[in-house]
Amino acid sequence: MTLTEEKHQDTGILQHLQQLKQQKILQQQR
C-alpha cells in the first residue's frame, strides 16, 4: 500500500467517525 492510499484510508475513517458523532448528537437532541 502506498502512503497516499494510507492517508486516504485515514481521512475516510475520520469522516466516518465525524458522521457517527453527528448522528449521536442528533439523536440526543430529539
C-alpha atoms as a PDB file:
ATOM      1  CA  MET A   1       0.000   0.000   0.000  1.00  0.00           C
ATOM      2  CA  THR A   2       1.332   3.467  -0.845  1.00  0.00           C
ATOM      3  CA  LEU A   3       1.480   6.439   1.519  1.00  0.00           C
ATOM      4  CA  THR A   4      -1.255   8.282  -0.361  1.00  0.00           C
ATOM      5  CA  GLU A   5      -3.536   5.258  -0.058  1.00  0.00           C
ATOM      6  CA  GLU A   6      -2.893   5.061   3.684  1.00  0.00           C
ATOM      7  CA  LYS A   7      -3.666   8.772   4.065  1.00  0.00           C
ATOM      8  CA  HIS A   8      -6.872   8.305   2.087  1.00  0.00           C
ATOM      9  CA  GLN A   9      -7.901   5.469   4.413  1.00  0.00           C
ATOM     10  CA  ASP A  10      -7.201   7.637   7.460  1.00  0.00           C
ATOM     11  CA  THR A  11      -9.339  10.506   6.156  1.00  0.00           C
ATOM     12  CA  GLY A  12     -12.119   8.043   5.322  1.00  0.00           C
ATOM     13  CA  ILE A  13     -12.062   6.737   8.891  1.00  0.00           C
ATOM     14  CA  LEU A  14     -12.036  10.272  10.302  1.00  0.00           C
ATOM     15  CA  GLN A  15     -15.018  11.247   8.140  1.00  0.00           C
ATOM     16  CA  HIS A  16     -16.855   8.121   9.286  1.00  0.00           C
ATOM     17  CA  LEU A  17     -16.192   8.948  12.950  1.00  0.00           C
ATOM     18  CA  GLN A  18     -17.419  12.516  12.430  1.00  0.00           C
ATOM     19  CA  GLN A  19     -20.632  11.181  10.879  1.00  0.00           C
ATOM     20  CA  LEU A  20     -21.172   8.874  13.866  1.00  0.00           C
ATOM     21  CA  LYS A  21     -20.672  11.808  16.264  1.00  0.00           C
ATOM     22  CA  GLN A  22     -23.199  13.914  14.339  1.00  0.00           C
ATOM     23  CA  GLN A  23     -25.733  11.065  14.420  1.00  0.00           C
ATOM     24  CA  LYS A  24     -25.302  10.695  18.189  1.00  0.00           C
ATOM     25  CA  ILE A  25     -25.791  14.443  18.699  1.00  0.00           C
ATOM     26  CA  LEU A  26     -28.911  14.429  16.525  1.00  0.00           C
ATOM     27  CA  GLN A  27     -30.344  11.508  18.496  1.00  0.00           C
ATOM     28  CA  GLN A  28     -29.700  13.326  21.792  1.00  0.00           C
ATOM     29  CA  GLN A  29     -31.476  16.473  20.550  1.00  0.00           C
ATOM     30  CA  ARG A  30     -34.747  14.599  19.974  1.00  0.00           C
END
